[in-house]
Amino acid sequence: MANLDKKNNQGVVPLIDQTKANKDNERYFNLVVDEIPYRVEFEPFFFNDQVRYYVSINAGPKDVFVWDTSMNQFRAIDDDAGILPVALEKAISAELLTQNL
């Protein structure tokens, strides 16, 4: 499931094939983006009949990810969303799209 950019040989490589569930409704997956490993914990919830996700990266604070129709991906909407690397946000969005609720 690797998505490599042949120009710079960097990409997104999931470390596990299957999303694992832990306590309550929280789930997690591991990613490597631009050679940096991340553990992404997420918890789906519904708001205004839309699925949204609480997402924590490397046990950090939770961000809210919502579907952005103009970008065709999930995006973080919190105040700290601007500090997320674009490649990481896209990789998280791609993984969230594969989740079955």
Foldseek 3Di string as FASTA:
>chain_A
DWDADVVVRWTKDWPDDDWADDPDQKIWTWIQGRNRIWIKIWGWDDDPNFIWIFIDIPNHHTFIWGQDPVVRWTATDDPCRVVDDPRVRRNVRVVVVPDDD
